Amino acid sequence: MGWYRSARAAHRAVYALRKHNLNVDLHIHCMADTDSGQDGPPRLQAIYMKSICGAAVMKGLDVIGIVSKNSFDPGRVCQQIAAQNQYDLAVLSGVEVKSSEGVSTVVFNATTVPIEGEPLQAMCKRAHAEGGIVMVIQPSKHNMQKVNEVAGTPDAPDMIEIYNDMAKSGYVHAFSDINAAPEFQLVVNSAAKSPQELDASVMMTRIPRDYFVEKGIIQEGQGVDYVPPYLRNVRPPGRPMGPPEQPMRPPEAVMGPPAAAMGGR
């Protein structure tokens, strides 16, 4: 959604600039139990999500996707936190499952939770009917060929993740060369499982703002006049932040008169 703050820059000016290209990371995991895979308890999940929002803002992200294995609830908690704290951050709430074709798939902002083992095209069609969007994670070339056949239809996903940072999570730690059809938006993500991993990852994708307007993620003109809280008390560009600087005094004003004037030899 992004306002960009350039603080302590040349002439100490601070300004906000509406972005036409947004910094996006659509694969950030919610807090989950390492043994059961269940989402963390609500109170701890809320604390975790506040840290995720903070890390995302500090990193300069404009759109993030929160991914759960179970429900849309963690992402919705993150959406509420972003709204309550007036972060200039769009949050998508997602659920990740494997399709019947064996493709890891994330459904965002739908109302029906996708089912493990469901055909990919069925998931996409229902999600789109419910106003959601779909991202496929590192599909094989074989599966991508099948997906390409339905490109541009409601049966196809919207985005293809071709890389993420977290091989230890079971993902392929290499860029996927899949020959995706041009209708698909290709993305790279962090797949972070903590605020620290999100901060450490350099993965994000720059996507035109119009893409998210077209998908219904943000509204036309949404936030154009928005000024985030951290800029509301900042002086306009061209005026110094803080007290005016004092002119530099001559050396004798600081060090005192020359030694001869003090009777020195």
Protein backbone atom coordinates (compact mmCIF):
# COMPACT_ATOMS: atom_id res chain seq x y z
CA MET A 1 0.00 0.00 0.00
CA GLY A 2 3.10 1.90 0.77
CA TRP A 3 4.08 5.27 1.87
CA TYR A 4 7.81 5.60 1.79
CA ARG A 5 9.50 7.57 4.54
CA SER A 6 12.85 9.13 3.78
CA ALA A 7 13.96 10.47 7.12
CA ARG A 8 17.23 12.25 7.78
CA ALA A 9 17.89 12.42 4.07
CA ALA A 10 19.43 15.30 2.16
CA HIS A 11 18.43 18.60 3.75
CA ARG A 12 16.87 16.50 6.52
CA ALA A 13 13.55 16.45 4.66
CA VAL A 14 10.85 13.91 5.45
CA TYR A 15 8.23 13.12 2.86
CA ALA A 16 5.72 10.47 1.85
CA LEU A 17 5.50 9.08 -1.67
CA ARG A 18 2.66 6.99 -3.00
CA LYS A 19 4.04 3.87 -4.67
CA HIS A 20 2.94 2.63 -8.06
CA ASN A 21 4.92 -0.60 -7.59
CA LEU A 22 4.36 -2.41 -4.32
CA ASN A 23 6.79 -4.53 -2.34
CA VAL A 24 5.10 -7.87 -1.79
CA ASP A 25 5.76 -11.02 0.27
CA LEU A 26 2.83 -13.42 0.07
CA HIS A 27 4.29 -16.37 1.96
CA ILE A 28 4.70 -15.63 5.67
CA HIS A 29 3.72 -18.43 8.02
CA CYS A 30 1.55 -17.88 11.07
CA MET A 31 2.56 -19.14 14.51
CA ALA A 32 1.99 -22.90 14.59
CA ASP A 33 2.77 -25.81 16.88
CA THR A 34 5.85 -27.59 15.56
CA ASP A 35 4.46 -31.03 16.49
CA SER A 36 0.76 -30.87 15.65
CA GLY A 37 0.88 -28.16 13.00
CA GLN A 38 -2.10 -26.46 14.63
CA ASP A 39 -2.25 -22.68 14.74
CA GLY A 40 -0.92 -21.06 17.91
CA PRO A 41 -3.32 -19.96 20.68
CA PRO A 42 -5.16 -16.68 19.97
CA ARG A 43 -3.33 -14.54 22.53
CA LEU A 44 0.13 -15.64 21.40
CA GLN A 45 -0.93 -15.50 17.76
CA ALA A 46 -1.91 -11.85 18.19
CA ILE A 47 1.47 -11.00 19.75
CA TYR A 48 3.24 -12.85 16.95
CA MET A 49 1.21 -11.06 14.27
CA LYS A 50 1.98 -7.67 15.74
CA SER A 51 5.68 -8.51 15.46
CA ILE A 52 5.17 -9.70 11.88
CA CYS A 53 3.45 -6.41 11.01
CA GLY A 54 6.29 -4.45 12.59
CA ALA A 55 8.92 -6.44 10.70
CA ALA A 56 7.00 -6.01 7.44
CA VAL A 57 6.71 -2.24 7.87
CA MET A 58 10.38 -1.87 8.83
CA LYS A 59 11.34 -3.95 5.79
CA GLY A 60 9.31 -1.71 3.49
CA LEU A 61 6.68 -4.28 2.51
CA ASP A 62 3.33 -3.02 1.27
CA VAL A 63 1.38 -6.28 0.82
CA ILE A 64 1.89 -9.45 2.86
CA GLY A 65 0.22 -12.85 2.82
CA ILE A 66 -0.22 -14.75 6.09
CA VAL A 67 -0.33 -18.51 5.56
CA SER A 68 -1.90 -21.11 7.86
CA LYS A 69 -2.33 -24.84 7.35
CA ASN A 70 -5.74 -24.80 9.03
CA SER A 71 -7.84 -21.65 8.77
CA PHE A 72 -8.08 -18.04 7.67
CA ASP A 73 -8.14 -16.88 11.31
CA PRO A 74 -4.42 -16.02 11.77
CA GLY A 75 -4.43 -13.82 8.67
CA ARG A 76 -7.63 -12.14 9.82
CA VAL A 77 -6.01 -11.39 13.17
CA CYS A 78 -3.11 -9.80 11.29
CA GLN A 79 -5.56 -7.75 9.21
CA GLN A 80 -7.20 -6.46 12.39
CA ILE A 81 -3.84 -5.55 13.94
CA ALA A 82 -2.75 -3.67 10.81
CA ALA A 83 -6.05 -1.74 10.80
CA GLN A 84 -6.02 -0.97 14.53
CA ASN A 85 -2.46 0.33 14.39
CA GLN A 86 -3.10 2.20 11.13
CA TYR A 87 -0.24 0.49 9.32
CA ASP A 88 -0.12 1.29 5.62
CA LEU A 89 -0.05 -2.43 4.93
CA ALA A 90 -2.43 -4.69 3.02
CA VAL A 91 -2.73 -8.17 4.55
CA LEU A 92 -4.01 -11.27 2.76
CA SER A 93 -5.28 -14.20 4.82
CA GLY A 94 -4.36 -17.58 3.35
CA VAL A 95 -4.59 -21.33 3.85
CA GLU A 96 -2.03 -23.70 2.33
CA VAL A 97 -2.93 -27.24 1.23
CA LYS A 98 -1.70 -29.78 -1.28
CA SER A 99 -3.95 -30.40 -4.25
CA SER A 100 -4.77 -33.82 -5.61
CA GLU A 101 -2.01 -33.21 -8.17
CA GLY A 102 0.49 -32.79 -5.34
CA VAL A 103 0.86 -29.02 -5.79
CA SER A 104 1.25 -26.81 -2.71
CA THR A 105 -1.44 -24.17 -3.08
CA VAL A 106 -2.43 -21.14 -1.02
CA VAL A 107 -5.96 -19.74 -1.19
CA PHE A 108 -6.21 -16.12 -0.01
CA ASN A 109 -9.17 -14.05 1.16
CA ALA A 110 -11.83 -16.64 0.37
CA THR A 111 -14.57 -17.81 2.72
CA THR A 112 -14.31 -21.59 2.23
CA VAL A 113 -11.23 -23.28 3.64
CA PRO A 114 -9.63 -25.42 0.90
CA ILE A 115 -9.48 -29.16 1.47
CA GLU A 116 -6.28 -31.22 1.38
CA GLY A 117 -6.28 -33.39 -1.76
CA GLU A 118 -8.84 -31.30 -3.63
CA PRO A 119 -8.24 -30.76 -7.38
CA LEU A 120 -6.41 -27.51 -8.07
CA GLN A 121 -8.90 -26.26 -10.63
CA ALA A 122 -11.81 -26.79 -8.22
CA MET A 123 -10.01 -24.80 -5.52
CA CYS A 124 -9.28 -21.95 -7.91
CA LYS A 125 -12.82 -21.80 -9.30
CA ARG A 126 -14.42 -21.66 -5.84
CA ALA A 127 -11.89 -19.16 -4.47
CA HIS A 128 -12.44 -16.78 -7.37
CA ALA A 129 -16.21 -17.06 -6.99
CA GLU A 130 -15.76 -16.02 -3.33
CA GLY A 131 -13.56 -13.04 -4.20
CA GLY A 132 -10.27 -14.73 -3.31
CA ILE A 133 -7.03 -15.29 -5.17
CA VAL A 134 -4.79 -18.34 -5.46
CA MET A 135 -1.02 -18.84 -5.42
CA VAL A 136 0.71 -22.07 -6.42
CA ILE A 137 4.05 -22.85 -4.77
CA GLN A 138 6.88 -24.19 -6.94
CA PRO A 139 4.90 -26.48 -9.28
CA SER A 140 6.70 -29.10 -11.35
CA LYS A 141 7.04 -28.55 -15.09
CA HIS A 142 4.47 -31.30 -15.64
CA ASN A 143 1.90 -29.63 -13.38
CA MET A 144 2.67 -26.22 -14.85
CA GLN A 145 1.83 -27.52 -18.31
CA LYS A 146 -1.61 -28.51 -17.07
CA VAL A 147 -2.11 -25.17 -15.34
CA ASN A 148 -1.07 -23.32 -18.50
CA GLU A 149 -3.95 -24.97 -20.34
CA VAL A 150 -6.47 -23.05 -18.22
CA ALA A 151 -4.51 -19.77 -17.96
CA GLY A 152 -6.76 -16.73 -17.88
CA THR A 153 -9.83 -18.68 -16.73
CA PRO A 154 -11.42 -18.93 -13.26
CA ASP A 155 -9.99 -22.44 -13.02
CA ALA A 156 -6.40 -21.19 -12.97
CA PRO A 157 -4.34 -19.76 -10.10
CA ASP A 158 -3.38 -16.09 -10.12
CA MET A 159 0.25 -16.30 -9.03
CA ILE A 160 3.09 -18.77 -9.24
CA GLU A 161 5.78 -18.77 -6.56
CA ILE A 162 9.03 -19.69 -8.28
CA TYR A 163 11.32 -19.32 -5.24
CA ASN A 164 11.32 -18.88 -1.48
CA ASP A 165 14.03 -18.65 1.15
CA MET A 166 13.07 -21.59 3.37
CA ALA A 167 14.36 -24.91 2.04
CA LYS A 168 14.19 -26.29 5.59
CA SER A 169 10.40 -26.06 5.38
CA GLY A 170 10.36 -28.69 2.65
CA TYR A 171 10.37 -26.30 -0.32
CA VAL A 172 12.82 -26.55 -3.20
CA HIS A 173 15.65 -24.12 -2.51
CA ALA A 174 16.17 -23.21 -6.15
CA PHE A 175 14.38 -21.11 -8.74
CA SER A 176 11.70 -23.12 -10.52
CA ASP A 177 12.11 -23.07 -14.30
CA ILE A 178 8.52 -23.85 -15.21
CA ASN A 179 7.70 -21.95 -18.43
CA ALA A 180 4.59 -20.37 -16.97
CA ALA A 181 2.09 -18.71 -19.30
CA PRO A 182 2.30 -14.88 -19.39
CA GLU A 183 -1.11 -14.58 -17.70
CA PHE A 184 0.43 -15.64 -14.39
CA GLN A 185 2.12 -13.25 -11.99
CA LEU A 186 5.41 -14.81 -10.92
CA VAL A 187 6.54 -14.14 -7.34
CA VAL A 188 9.40 -14.81 -4.96
CA ASN A 189 8.69 -14.86 -1.23
CA SER A 190 10.39 -15.37 2.12
CA ALA A 191 8.29 -18.28 3.49
CA ALA A 192 9.35 -16.87 6.86
CA LYS A 193 8.27 -18.65 10.04
CA SER A 194 9.14 -15.84 12.44
CA PRO A 195 9.61 -12.05 12.47
CA GLN A 196 13.36 -12.68 12.61
CA GLU A 197 13.29 -14.80 9.45
CA LEU A 198 11.16 -12.18 7.72
CA ASP A 199 13.66 -9.49 8.64
CA ALA A 200 16.63 -11.61 7.50
CA SER A 201 15.15 -12.61 4.13
CA VAL A 202 15.83 -10.43 1.10
CA MET A 203 13.01 -12.03 -0.90
CA MET A 204 10.11 -9.89 -2.11
CA THR A 205 8.43 -9.11 -5.40
CA ARG A 206 7.63 -5.69 -6.85
CA ILE A 207 4.16 -5.80 -8.39
CA PRO A 208 2.25 -2.89 -9.98
CA ARG A 209 -0.43 -1.49 -7.71
CA ASP A 210 -2.97 -1.84 -10.53
CA TYR A 211 -2.64 -5.63 -10.31
CA PHE A 212 -4.02 -5.67 -6.77
CA VAL A 213 -6.74 -3.18 -7.70
CA GLU A 214 -7.79 -5.48 -10.54
CA LYS A 215 -7.84 -8.48 -8.19
CA GLY A 216 -9.93 -6.59 -5.64
CA ILE A 217 -7.25 -6.71 -2.93
CA ILE A 218 -7.12 -2.93 -2.68
CA GLN A 219 -9.63 -0.40 -3.97
CA GLU A 220 -9.00 2.20 -6.65
CA GLY A 221 -7.64 5.28 -4.88
CA GLN A 222 -7.50 3.51 -1.52
CA GLY A 223 -5.11 5.25 0.84
CA VAL A 224 -4.03 7.92 -1.64
CA ASP A 225 -4.64 10.68 0.92
CA TYR A 226 -3.60 8.55 3.88
CA VAL A 227 -0.79 9.85 6.07
CA PRO A 228 0.57 7.27 8.50
CA PRO A 229 0.78 8.20 12.19
CA TYR A 230 4.57 8.37 12.17
CA LEU A 231 4.44 11.23 9.64
CA ARG A 232 1.55 13.28 11.03
CA ASN A 233 3.68 15.47 13.28
CA VAL A 234 6.56 15.80 10.83
CA ARG A 235 7.27 19.23 9.45
CA PRO A 236 6.74 19.81 5.72
CA PRO A 237 9.59 19.18 3.27
CA GLY A 238 12.19 21.95 3.25
CA ARG A 239 11.84 22.72 6.93
CA PRO A 240 14.35 21.25 9.36
CA MET A 241 13.37 18.58 11.83
CA GLY A 242 13.99 19.76 15.36
CA PRO A 243 15.53 23.12 16.44
CA PRO A 244 17.33 25.22 13.81
CA GLU A 245 21.04 24.72 13.57
CA GLN A 246 23.21 27.45 15.13
CA PRO A 247 25.81 29.14 12.90
CA MET A 248 29.32 27.86 13.47
CA ARG A 249 31.28 30.14 15.79
CA PRO A 250 34.79 31.27 14.89
CA PRO A 251 37.60 29.29 16.52
CA GLU A 252 38.46 32.07 18.97
CA ALA A 253 34.92 32.09 20.25
CA VAL A 254 35.35 28.46 21.26
CA MET A 255 39.03 28.35 22.18
CA GLY A 256 39.42 31.81 23.62
CA PRO A 257 41.67 34.68 22.47
CA PRO A 258 45.18 34.07 21.14
CA ALA A 259 47.85 33.37 23.70
CA ALA A 260 49.51 36.80 23.18
CA ALA A 261 46.36 38.61 24.19
CA MET A 262 46.41 36.64 27.45
CA GLY A 263 49.95 37.67 28.26
CA GLY A 264 51.42 34.40 27.11
CA ARG A 265 54.98 34.19 25.85
